[in-house]
Amino acid sequence: MRLFLTKVWGWDTPVGPLQFSTSGWRDNALRQLEDGDRVVLVGTEGDQTPDDMKGRLLGVMEPSRELVMSLDFDVRASPGDFVDSKYKWPLGLLNLCAWSLPQRPKLKKQISDRKFNMPAVRGVVPLNDNEAARVLALDWREEALMQPTAQAGARMAKRHGAAKRTAPPPTTKRRGVMHMRRAPAYTYAMRIVGARTSAFKIGWAFDFKQRARQFNHAAMPSLGGLEYKPFLYHLWDTARQAYAMEQALLAKLSDRVHGHNGEIVTDLSDEALEAAWRAAVTVP
């Protein structure tokens, strides 16, 4: 295991990815880092860094080689972190573990006499043996890692060919119900094929494709019944958000809701539904 150093504007927990401003700096870090290496985060001396973090060792990360986008995580960002609406450190490496350094020693004098320049601000710089020994002698406290959004997690799983996460098992216990509300879920709109007029089923589910199969199993389109075909869907981090969008969408389309089923809207064009959908996505 080797130790590297990078400069940051602060330290928050749970801990997000190791961030970089450009692919060049991230690639440079990947060329240096090996499995098991760790990166020490030191607060800059600039105005952007809180006074109690300036020039101090704040934490340690163990990055993987998994490429991620920084804003796929709920990183704590301020207006000064953006230029022309673009995040300054959009690229990252997923962390395997992270630790805070409660003692927060000063980098200068307490850890190193060297001057760390731009490579330490934009990328990572290896520590020498004496510097590494001083860091390893500090108290390390393991911290929770920030999880990617549901959409990012699904994208990463697809990239690696991993199995998609299924819905949580049914439960009637309050703790289990609360867990289900916090699980990723979809808001969906399904076209109802075979209806006398244009019709869509609006709802939410942990797996909208499975829900469509359930509807079609009951409707039996092969025998002349209605067929439910997924038309629009949006993955949310929690079932609460998916439900909130469902309700917002139905409220926007209240004049189109079927009299016998409050989750079906009729006499609606694809374009009208898509416009209401775009507006409802921003509601939760």
C-alpha atoms as a PDB file:
ATOM      1  CA  MET A   1       0.000   0.000   0.000  1.00  0.00           C
ATOM      2  CA  ARG A   2       1.235   3.468  -0.961  1.00  0.00           C
ATOM      3  CA  LEU A   3      -0.086   6.852   0.094  1.00  0.00           C
ATOM      4  CA  PHE A   4      -0.800   9.757  -2.260  1.00  0.00           C
ATOM      5  CA  LEU A   5      -1.956  13.319  -1.602  1.00  0.00           C
ATOM      6  CA  THR A   6      -4.503  15.611  -3.239  1.00  0.00           C
ATOM      7  CA  LYS A   7      -5.799  19.073  -2.342  1.00  0.00           C
ATOM      8  CA  VAL A   8      -9.533  19.676  -1.789  1.00  0.00           C
ATOM      9  CA  TRP A   9     -11.914  22.457  -0.770  1.00  0.00           C
ATOM     10  CA  GLY A  10     -13.372  20.499   2.135  1.00  0.00           C
ATOM     11  CA  TRP A  11     -14.425  17.172   3.577  1.00  0.00           C
ATOM     12  CA  ASP A  12     -17.942  15.814   4.053  1.00  0.00           C
ATOM     13  CA  THR A  13     -19.414  12.536   5.199  1.00  0.00           C
ATOM     14  CA  PRO A  14     -20.707  10.242   3.880  1.00  0.00           C
ATOM     15  CA  VAL A  15     -17.778  10.305   1.484  1.00  0.00           C
ATOM     16  CA  GLY A  16     -18.285  10.683  -2.257  1.00  0.00           C
ATOM     17  CA  PRO A  17     -15.938   9.718  -5.100  1.00  0.00           C
ATOM     18  CA  LEU A  18     -12.396  10.955  -5.650  1.00  0.00           C
ATOM     19  CA  GLN A  19     -13.047  13.876  -8.021  1.00  0.00           C
ATOM     20  CA  PHE A  20     -11.116  15.328 -10.969  1.00  0.00           C
ATOM     21  CA  SER A  21     -11.609  18.333 -13.232  1.00  0.00           C
ATOM     22  CA  THR A  22     -10.601  16.619 -16.493  1.00  0.00           C
ATOM     23  CA  SER A  23     -10.158  13.138 -17.917  1.00  0.00           C
ATOM     24  CA  GLY A  24      -6.438  13.867 -18.306  1.00  0.00           C
ATOM     25  CA  TRP A  25      -5.911  14.332 -14.568  1.00  0.00           C
ATOM     26  CA  ARG A  26      -8.041  11.288 -13.776  1.00  0.00           C
ATOM     27  CA  ASP A  27      -6.125   9.170 -16.291  1.00  0.00           C
ATOM     28  CA  ASN A  28      -2.856  10.398 -14.796  1.00  0.00           C
ATOM     29  CA  ALA A  29      -4.039   9.261 -11.358  1.00  0.00           C
ATOM     30  CA  LEU A  30      -5.058   5.863 -12.740  1.00  0.00           C
ATOM     31  CA  ARG A  31      -1.592   5.384 -14.205  1.00  0.00           C
ATOM     32  CA  GLN A  32      -0.060   5.938 -10.772  1.00  0.00           C
ATOM     33  CA  LEU A  33      -2.532   4.213  -8.464  1.00  0.00           C
ATOM     34  CA  GLU A  34      -2.496   0.485  -7.823  1.00  0.00           C
ATOM     35  CA  ASP A  35      -4.973  -1.694  -5.961  1.00  0.00           C
ATOM     36  CA  GLY A  36      -4.858  -0.921  -2.255  1.00  0.00           C
ATOM     37  CA  ASP A  37      -3.263   2.528  -2.603  1.00  0.00           C
ATOM     38  CA  ARG A  38      -4.847   5.354  -0.641  1.00  0.00           C
ATOM     39  CA  VAL A  39      -5.183   9.099  -1.216  1.00  0.00           C
ATOM     40  CA  VAL A  40      -4.871  11.635   1.620  1.00  0.00           C
ATOM     41  CA  LEU A  41      -7.096  14.708   1.265  1.00  0.00           C
ATOM     42  CA  VAL A  42      -5.677  18.042   2.426  1.00  0.00           C
ATOM     43  CA  GLY A  43      -7.630  21.290   2.590  1.00  0.00           C
ATOM     44  CA  THR A  44      -6.337  24.063   0.338  1.00  0.00           C
ATOM     45  CA  GLU A  45      -5.293  27.438   1.750  1.00  0.00           C
ATOM     46  CA  GLY A  46      -7.768  29.228  -0.530  1.00  0.00           C
ATOM     47  CA  ASP A  47     -10.875  31.185   0.419  1.00  0.00           C
ATOM     48  CA  GLN A  48     -13.119  28.317  -0.752  1.00  0.00           C
ATOM     49  CA  THR A  49     -11.929  26.050   2.078  1.00  0.00           C
ATOM     50  CA  PRO A  50     -13.399  26.533   5.583  1.00  0.00           C
ATOM     51  CA  ASP A  51     -10.900  28.078   8.006  1.00  0.00           C
ATOM     52  CA  ASP A  52     -10.792  25.011  10.254  1.00  0.00           C
ATOM     53  CA  MET A  53      -9.821  22.818   7.256  1.00  0.00           C
ATOM     54  CA  LYS A  54      -7.216  25.000   5.546  1.00  0.00           C
ATOM     55  CA  GLY A  55      -3.871  23.260   5.169  1.00  0.00           C
ATOM     56  CA  ARG A  56      -4.973  20.319   7.297  1.00  0.00           C
ATOM     57  CA  LEU A  57      -5.197  16.605   6.629  1.00  0.00           C
ATOM     58  CA  LEU A  58      -8.914  15.837   6.516  1.00  0.00           C
ATOM     59  CA  GLY A  59      -9.406  12.276   5.370  1.00  0.00           C
ATOM     60  CA  VAL A  60      -8.217   9.315   3.346  1.00  0.00           C
ATOM     61  CA  MET A  61      -9.820   7.516   0.396  1.00  0.00           C
ATOM     62  CA  GLU A  62      -9.146   4.114  -1.148  1.00  0.00           C
ATOM     63  CA  PRO A  63     -10.195   4.613  -4.772  1.00  0.00           C
ATOM     64  CA  SER A  64     -11.071   1.816  -7.165  1.00  0.00           C
ATOM     65  CA  ARG A  65     -10.596   1.871 -10.923  1.00  0.00           C
ATOM     66  CA  GLU A  66     -14.342   2.285 -11.459  1.00  0.00           C
ATOM     67  CA  LEU A  67     -14.987   5.458 -13.487  1.00  0.00           C
ATOM     68  CA  VAL A  68     -17.960   7.488 -12.280  1.00  0.00           C
ATOM     69  CA  MET A  69     -19.489  10.927 -12.714  1.00  0.00           C
ATOM     70  CA  SER A  70     -19.234  13.049  -9.563  1.00  0.00           C
ATOM     71  CA  LEU A  71     -22.813  14.344  -9.782  1.00  0.00           C
ATOM     72  CA  ASP A  72     -24.113  10.779  -9.887  1.00  0.00           C
ATOM     73  CA  PHE A  73     -23.622  11.124  -6.137  1.00  0.00           C
ATOM     74  CA  ASP A  74     -25.333  13.574  -3.787  1.00  0.00           C
ATOM     75  CA  VAL A  75     -22.159  15.600  -3.372  1.00  0.00           C
ATOM     76  CA  ARG A  76     -22.494  18.787  -1.360  1.00  0.00           C
ATOM     77  CA  ALA A  77     -22.010  21.498  -3.975  1.00  0.00           C
ATOM     78  CA  SER A  78     -22.157  25.277  -3.672  1.00  0.00           C
ATOM     79  CA  PRO A  79     -22.678  27.892  -6.423  1.00  0.00           C
ATOM     80  CA  GLY A  80     -18.921  28.488  -6.524  1.00  0.00           C
ATOM     81  CA  ASP A  81     -18.414  24.871  -7.614  1.00  0.00           C
ATOM     82  CA  PHE A  82     -19.905  25.618 -11.048  1.00  0.00           C
ATOM     83  CA  VAL A  83     -18.674  27.572 -14.085  1.00  0.00           C
ATOM     84  CA  ASP A  84     -21.273  28.298 -16.780  1.00  0.00           C
ATOM     85  CA  SER A  85     -23.550  25.790 -15.024  1.00  0.00           C
ATOM     86  CA  LYS A  86     -20.897  23.070 -15.340  1.00  0.00           C
ATOM     87  CA  TYR A  87     -19.499  21.327 -12.252  1.00  0.00           C
ATOM     88  CA  LYS A  88     -15.754  21.937 -11.877  1.00  0.00           C
ATOM     89  CA  TRP A  89     -14.892  18.323 -10.965  1.00  0.00           C
ATOM     90  CA  PRO A  90     -17.281  16.225 -13.061  1.00  0.00           C
ATOM     91  CA  LEU A  91     -15.194  13.035 -13.229  1.00  0.00           C
ATOM     92  CA  GLY A  92     -14.443  10.627 -10.423  1.00  0.00           C
ATOM     93  CA  LEU A  93     -13.216   7.278  -9.203  1.00  0.00           C
ATOM     94  CA  LEU A  94     -15.507   5.167  -7.039  1.00  0.00           C
ATOM     95  CA  ASN A  95     -14.157   4.619  -3.538  1.00  0.00           C
ATOM     96  CA  LEU A  96     -13.854   1.245  -1.825  1.00  0.00           C
ATOM     97  CA  CYS A  97     -13.368   2.737   1.639  1.00  0.00           C
ATOM     98  CA  ALA A  98     -12.778   6.099   3.344  1.00  0.00           C
ATOM     99  CA  TRP A  99     -11.534   7.383   6.692  1.00  0.00           C
ATOM    100  CA  SER A 100     -11.603  10.734   8.445  1.00  0.00           C
ATOM    101  CA  LEU A 101      -8.564  11.994  10.376  1.00  0.00           C
ATOM    102  CA  PRO A 102      -9.956  13.479  13.618  1.00  0.00           C
ATOM    103  CA  GLN A 103      -6.613  14.985  14.652  1.00  0.00           C
ATOM    104  CA  ARG A 104      -6.435  17.041  11.451  1.00  0.00           C
ATOM    105  CA  PRO A 105      -2.721  17.903  11.648  1.00  0.00           C
ATOM    106  CA  LYS A 106      -1.243  20.672   9.539  1.00  0.00           C
ATOM    107  CA  LEU A 107       0.408  19.434   6.361  1.00  0.00           C
ATOM    108  CA  LYS A 108       3.304  21.866   6.715  1.00  0.00           C
ATOM    109  CA  LYS A 109       5.756  21.064   9.502  1.00  0.00           C
ATOM    110  CA  GLN A 110       3.661  18.283  11.062  1.00  0.00           C
ATOM    111  CA  ILE A 111       3.660  16.011   8.004  1.00  0.00           C
ATOM    112  CA  SER A 112       5.891  17.449   5.292  1.00  0.00           C
ATOM    113  CA  ASP A 113       8.315  20.280   4.524  1.00  0.00           C
ATOM    114  CA  ARG A 114       7.682  19.974   0.796  1.00  0.00           C
ATOM    115  CA  LYS A 115       5.665  22.402  -1.291  1.00  0.00           C
ATOM    116  CA  PHE A 116       2.851  20.660  -3.182  1.00  0.00           C
ATOM    117  CA  ASN A 117       2.004  22.481  -6.413  1.00  0.00           C
ATOM    118  CA  MET A 118      -0.572  22.108  -9.192  1.00  0.00           C
ATOM    119  CA  PRO A 119      -0.301  18.289  -9.610  1.00  0.00           C
ATOM    120  CA  ALA A 120      -1.545  17.952  -6.031  1.00  0.00           C
ATOM    121  CA  VAL A 121      -4.444  20.339  -6.698  1.00  0.00           C
ATOM    122  CA  ARG A 122      -5.629  18.714  -9.927  1.00  0.00           C
ATOM    123  CA  GLY A 123      -4.415  15.162  -9.418  1.00  0.00           C
ATOM    124  CA  VAL A 124      -2.556  12.957  -6.939  1.00  0.00           C
ATOM    125  CA  VAL A 125       1.074  13.094  -5.778  1.00  0.00           C
ATOM    126  CA  PRO A 126       2.891  10.229  -3.987  1.00  0.00           C
ATOM    127  CA  LEU A 127       4.086  10.780  -0.424  1.00  0.00           C
ATOM    128  CA  ASN A 128       7.594   9.753   0.519  1.00  0.00           C
ATOM    129  CA  ASP A 129       8.267   7.138   3.199  1.00  0.00           C
ATOM    130  CA  ASN A 130       8.665   9.646   6.054  1.00  0.00           C
ATOM    131  CA  GLU A 131       5.469  11.506   5.143  1.00  0.00           C
ATOM    132  CA  ALA A 132       3.534   8.262   4.785  1.00  0.00           C
ATOM    133  CA  ALA A 133       4.765   7.021   8.178  1.00  0.00           C
ATOM    134  CA  ARG A 134       3.494  10.194   9.878  1.00  0.00           C
ATOM    135  CA  VAL A 135       0.082   9.795   8.241  1.00  0.00           C
ATOM    136  CA  LEU A 136      -0.153   6.119   9.170  1.00  0.00           C
ATOM    137  CA  ALA A 137       0.610   7.017  12.802  1.00  0.00           C
ATOM    138  CA  LEU A 138      -2.539   9.171  12.999  1.00  0.00           C
ATOM    139  CA  ASP A 139      -5.942   7.994  14.203  1.00  0.00           C
ATOM    140  CA  TRP A 140      -8.075   6.849  11.253  1.00  0.00           C
ATOM    141  CA  ARG A 141     -11.862   6.629  11.647  1.00  0.00           C
ATOM    142  CA  GLU A 142     -13.760   4.722   8.974  1.00  0.00           C
ATOM    143  CA  GLU A 143     -16.646   6.644   7.420  1.00  0.00           C
ATOM    144  CA  ALA A 144     -19.700   5.648   5.383  1.00  0.00           C
ATOM    145  CA  LEU A 145     -19.473   5.941   1.613  1.00  0.00           C
ATOM    146  CA  MET A 146     -21.982   7.916  -0.423  1.00  0.00           C
ATOM    147  CA  GLN A 147     -24.050   5.701  -2.711  1.00  0.00           C
ATOM    148  CA  PRO A 148     -24.713   6.602  -6.369  1.00  0.00           C
ATOM    149  CA  THR A 149     -28.198   7.557  -7.473  1.00  0.00           C
ATOM    150  CA  ALA A 150     -30.480   4.757  -8.571  1.00  0.00           C
ATOM    151  CA  GLN A 151     -30.077   5.773 -12.221  1.00  0.00           C
ATOM    152  CA  ALA A 152     -26.282   5.772 -11.954  1.00  0.00           C
ATOM    153  CA  GLY A 153     -26.312   2.439 -10.126  1.00  0.00           C
ATOM    154  CA  ALA A 154     -28.434   0.894 -12.866  1.00  0.00           C
ATOM    155  CA  ARG A 155     -26.126   2.308 -15.537  1.00  0.00           C
ATOM    156  CA  MET A 156     -23.026   0.963 -13.783  1.00  0.00           C
ATOM    157  CA  ALA A 157     -24.627  -2.472 -13.346  1.00  0.00           C
ATOM    158  CA  LYS A 158     -25.526  -2.553 -17.035  1.00  0.00           C
ATOM    159  CA  ARG A 159     -21.969  -1.605 -17.998  1.00  0.00           C
ATOM    160  CA  HIS A 160     -20.584  -4.554 -16.024  1.00  0.00           C
ATOM    161  CA  GLY A 161     -23.327  -6.957 -17.025  1.00  0.00           C
ATOM    162  CA  ALA A 162     -24.437  -7.279 -13.394  1.00  0.00           C
ATOM    163  CA  ALA A 163     -27.878  -8.498 -12.496  1.00  0.00           C
ATOM    164  CA  LYS A 164     -30.415  -5.736 -12.004  1.00  0.00           C
ATOM    165  CA  ARG A 165     -31.454  -5.131  -8.427  1.00  0.00           C
ATOM    166  CA  THR A 166     -34.902  -6.514  -7.815  1.00  0.00           C
ATOM    167  CA  ALA A 167     -37.628  -5.122  -5.614  1.00  0.00           C
ATOM    168  CA  PRO A 168     -37.292  -5.638  -1.860  1.00  0.00           C
ATOM    169  CA  PRO A 169     -39.214  -8.612  -0.452  1.00  0.00           C
ATOM    170  CA  PRO A 170     -42.773  -7.952   0.770  1.00  0.00           C
ATOM    171  CA  THR A 171     -43.155  -7.226   4.451  1.00  0.00           C
ATOM    172  CA  THR A 172     -45.806  -5.962   6.846  1.00  0.00           C
ATOM    173  CA  LYS A 173     -43.407  -4.889   9.581  1.00  0.00           C
ATOM    174  CA  ARG A 174     -43.115  -1.124   9.932  1.00  0.00           C
ATOM    175  CA  ARG A 175     -39.323  -1.192   9.624  1.00  0.00           C
ATOM    176  CA  GLY A 176     -39.607  -3.213   6.425  1.00  0.00           C
ATOM    177  CA  VAL A 177     -42.249  -0.915   4.983  1.00  0.00           C
ATOM    178  CA  MET A 178     -40.065   2.120   5.657  1.00  0.00           C
ATOM    179  CA  HIS A 179     -37.157   0.333   3.952  1.00  0.00           C
ATOM    180  CA  MET A 180     -39.318  -0.281   0.886  1.00  0.00           C
ATOM    181  CA  ARG A 181     -40.237   3.412   0.724  1.00  0.00           C
ATOM    182  CA  ARG A 182     -36.533   4.240   0.546  1.00  0.00           C
ATOM    183  CA  ALA A 183     -35.786   1.649  -2.184  1.00  0.00           C
ATOM    184  CA  PRO A 184     -35.347   2.730  -5.837  1.00  0.00           C
ATOM    185  CA  ALA A 185     -38.564   2.660  -7.847  1.00  0.00           C
ATOM    186  CA  TYR A 186     -40.024   3.758 -11.176  1.00  0.00           C
ATOM    187  CA  THR A 187     -42.847   6.036 -12.195  1.00  0.00           C
ATOM    188  CA  TYR A 188     -44.346   4.665 -15.410  1.00  0.00           C
ATOM    189  CA  ALA A 189     -46.910   5.335 -18.129  1.00  0.00           C
ATOM    190  CA  MET A 190     -48.174   2.305 -20.051  1.00  0.00           C
ATOM    191  CA  ARG A 191     -50.084   2.531 -23.305  1.00  0.00           C
ATOM    192  CA  ILE A 192     -53.301   0.498 -23.193  1.00  0.00           C
ATOM    193  CA  VAL A 193     -53.501  -1.157 -26.600  1.00  0.00           C
ATOM    194  CA  GLY A 194     -56.976  -2.233 -27.740  1.00  0.00           C
ATOM    195  CA  ALA A 195     -58.934   0.476 -25.932  1.00  0.00           C
ATOM    196  CA  ARG A 196     -61.647   2.331 -27.908  1.00  0.00           C
ATOM    197  CA  THR A 197     -59.723   5.590 -27.475  1.00  0.00           C
ATOM    198  CA  SER A 198     -56.144   6.489 -26.582  1.00  0.00           C
ATOM    199  CA  ALA A 199     -55.514   5.441 -22.987  1.00  0.00           C
ATOM    200  CA  PHE A 200     -52.564   5.191 -20.612  1.00  0.00           C
ATOM    201  CA  LYS A 201     -52.089   3.593 -17.199  1.00  0.00           C
ATOM    202  CA  ILE A 202     -50.101   5.827 -14.814  1.00  0.00           C
ATOM    203  CA  GLY A 203     -48.417   4.309 -11.763  1.00  0.00           C
ATOM    204  CA  TRP A 204     -45.250   3.462  -9.889  1.00  0.00           C
ATOM    205  CA  ALA A 205     -43.475   0.163  -9.251  1.00  0.00           C
ATOM    206  CA  PHE A 206     -40.133  -1.277  -8.194  1.00  0.00           C
ATOM    207  CA  ASP A 207     -40.046  -3.099 -11.566  1.00  0.00           C
ATOM    208  CA  PHE A 208     -42.325  -1.592 -14.234  1.00  0.00           C
ATOM    209  CA  LYS A 209     -41.663  -4.414 -16.728  1.00  0.00           C
ATOM    210  CA  GLN A 210     -42.811  -6.987 -14.198  1.00  0.00           C
ATOM    211  CA  ARG A 211     -45.879  -4.848 -13.478  1.00  0.00           C
ATOM    212  CA  ALA A 212     -46.732  -4.831 -17.206  1.00  0.00           C
ATOM    213  CA  ARG A 213     -46.473  -8.628 -17.279  1.00  0.00           C
ATOM    214  CA  GLN A 214     -48.826  -8.829 -14.321  1.00  0.00           C
ATOM    215  CA  PHE A 215     -51.380  -6.573 -16.016  1.00  0.00           C
ATOM    216  CA  ASN A 216     -51.182  -8.551 -19.262  1.00  0.00           C
ATOM    217  CA  HIS A 217     -51.503 -11.856 -17.435  1.00  0.00           C
ATOM    218  CA  ALA A 218     -54.872 -10.651 -16.134  1.00  0.00           C
ATOM    219  CA  ALA A 219     -55.971  -8.877 -19.327  1.00  0.00           C
ATOM    220  CA  MET A 220     -55.032 -11.804 -21.632  1.00  0.00           C
ATOM    221  CA  PRO A 221     -54.363  -9.798 -24.839  1.00  0.00           C
ATOM    222  CA  SER A 222     -53.777 -13.093 -26.696  1.00  0.00           C
ATOM    223  CA  LEU A 223     -57.516 -13.786 -26.260  1.00  0.00           C
ATOM    224  CA  GLY A 224     -58.578 -10.368 -27.461  1.00  0.00           C
ATOM    225  CA  GLY A 225     -58.166  -8.409 -24.232  1.00  0.00           C
ATOM    226  CA  LEU A 226     -56.259  -5.182 -23.627  1.00  0.00           C
ATOM    227  CA  GLU A 227     -52.469  -5.065 -23.755  1.00  0.00           C
ATOM    228  CA  TYR A 228     -50.278  -2.885 -21.523  1.00  0.00           C
ATOM    229  CA  LYS A 229     -47.094  -1.609 -23.196  1.00  0.00           C
ATOM    230  CA  PRO A 230     -44.556   0.516 -21.257  1.00  0.00           C
ATOM    231  CA  PHE A 231     -44.351   3.934 -22.925  1.00  0.00           C
ATOM    232  CA  LEU A 232     -42.532   6.237 -20.477  1.00  0.00           C
ATOM    233  CA  TYR A 233     -40.631   5.518 -17.269  1.00  0.00           C
ATOM    234  CA  HIS A 234     -38.346   7.307 -14.817  1.00  0.00           C
ATOM    235  CA  LEU A 235     -36.156   5.692 -12.158  1.00  0.00           C
ATOM    236  CA  TRP A 236     -36.123   7.448  -8.766  1.00  0.00           C
ATOM    237  CA  ASP A 237     -33.852   6.922  -5.767  1.00  0.00           C
ATOM    238  CA  THR A 238     -36.852   6.105  -3.545  1.00  0.00           C
ATOM    239  CA  ALA A 239     -40.399   4.814  -3.835  1.00  0.00           C
ATOM    240  CA  ARG A 240     -41.558   8.012  -2.113  1.00  0.00           C
ATOM    241  CA  GLN A 241     -40.274  10.034  -5.075  1.00  0.00           C
ATOM    242  CA  ALA A 242     -41.807   7.642  -7.603  1.00  0.00           C
ATOM    243  CA  TYR A 243     -45.180   7.904  -5.877  1.00  0.00           C
ATOM    244  CA  ALA A 244     -44.914  11.698  -5.676  1.00  0.00           C
ATOM    245  CA  MET A 245     -44.350  11.942  -9.432  1.00  0.00           C
ATOM    246  CA  GLU A 246     -47.259   9.587 -10.102  1.00  0.00           C
ATOM    247  CA  GLN A 247     -49.559  11.797  -8.053  1.00  0.00           C
ATOM    248  CA  ALA A 248     -48.226  14.994  -9.662  1.00  0.00           C
ATOM    249  CA  LEU A 249     -48.765  13.557 -13.125  1.00  0.00           C
ATOM    250  CA  LEU A 250     -52.316  12.449 -12.371  1.00  0.00           C
ATOM    251  CA  ALA A 251     -53.047  15.901 -10.926  1.00  0.00           C
ATOM    252  CA  LYS A 252     -51.820  17.581 -14.116  1.00  0.00           C
ATOM    253  CA  LEU A 253     -54.023  15.271 -16.175  1.00  0.00           C
ATOM    254  CA  SER A 254     -57.031  15.338 -13.848  1.00  0.00           C
ATOM    255  CA  ASP A 255     -59.380  16.352 -16.672  1.00  0.00           C
ATOM    256  CA  ARG A 256     -58.387  13.179 -18.546  1.00  0.00           C
ATOM    257  CA  VAL A 257     -58.708  10.673 -15.694  1.00  0.00           C
ATOM    258  CA  HIS A 258     -61.142   7.836 -16.407  1.00  0.00           C
ATOM    259  CA  GLY A 259     -64.314   7.893 -14.328  1.00  0.00           C
ATOM    260  CA  HIS A 260     -63.933   4.269 -13.187  1.00  0.00           C
ATOM    261  CA  ASN A 261     -60.165   4.116 -12.632  1.00  0.00           C
ATOM    262  CA  GLY A 262     -58.212   7.006 -11.123  1.00  0.00           C
ATOM    263  CA  GLU A 263     -54.898   5.760 -12.585  1.00  0.00           C
ATOM    264  CA  ILE A 264     -55.992   5.684 -16.232  1.00  0.00           C
ATOM    265  CA  VAL A 265     -56.067   8.762 -18.474  1.00  0.00           C
ATOM    266  CA  THR A 266     -57.864   8.797 -21.833  1.00  0.00           C
ATOM    267  CA  ASP A 267     -58.293  10.903 -24.979  1.00  0.00           C
ATOM    268  CA  LEU A 268     -54.681  12.023 -24.707  1.00  0.00           C
ATOM    269  CA  SER A 269     -52.042  12.303 -27.452  1.00  0.00           C
ATOM    270  CA  ASP A 270     -48.500  11.032 -26.995  1.00  0.00           C
ATOM    271  CA  GLU A 271     -47.215  14.603 -27.189  1.00  0.00           C
ATOM    272  CA  ALA A 272     -49.596  15.856 -24.494  1.00  0.00           C
ATOM    273  CA  LEU A 273     -48.614  13.029 -22.157  1.00  0.00           C
ATOM    274  CA  GLU A 274     -44.901  13.643 -22.784  1.00  0.00           C
ATOM    275  CA  ALA A 275     -45.312  17.359 -21.987  1.00  0.00           C
ATOM    276  CA  ALA A 276     -47.078  16.594 -18.703  1.00  0.00           C
ATOM    277  CA  TRP A 277     -44.456  13.940 -17.941  1.00  0.00           C
ATOM    278  CA  ARG A 278     -41.556  16.354 -18.370  1.00  0.00           C
ATOM    279  CA  ALA A 279     -43.210  18.808 -15.998  1.00  0.00           C
ATOM    280  CA  ALA A 280     -43.924  16.125 -13.401  1.00  0.00           C
ATOM    281  CA  VAL A 281     -40.382  14.724 -13.391  1.00  0.00           C
ATOM    282  CA  THR A 282     -39.156  17.836 -11.567  1.00  0.00           C
ATOM    283  CA  VAL A 283     -41.797  17.716  -8.829  1.00  0.00           C
ATOM    284  CA  PRO A 284     -40.426  15.277  -6.116  1.00  0.00           C
END
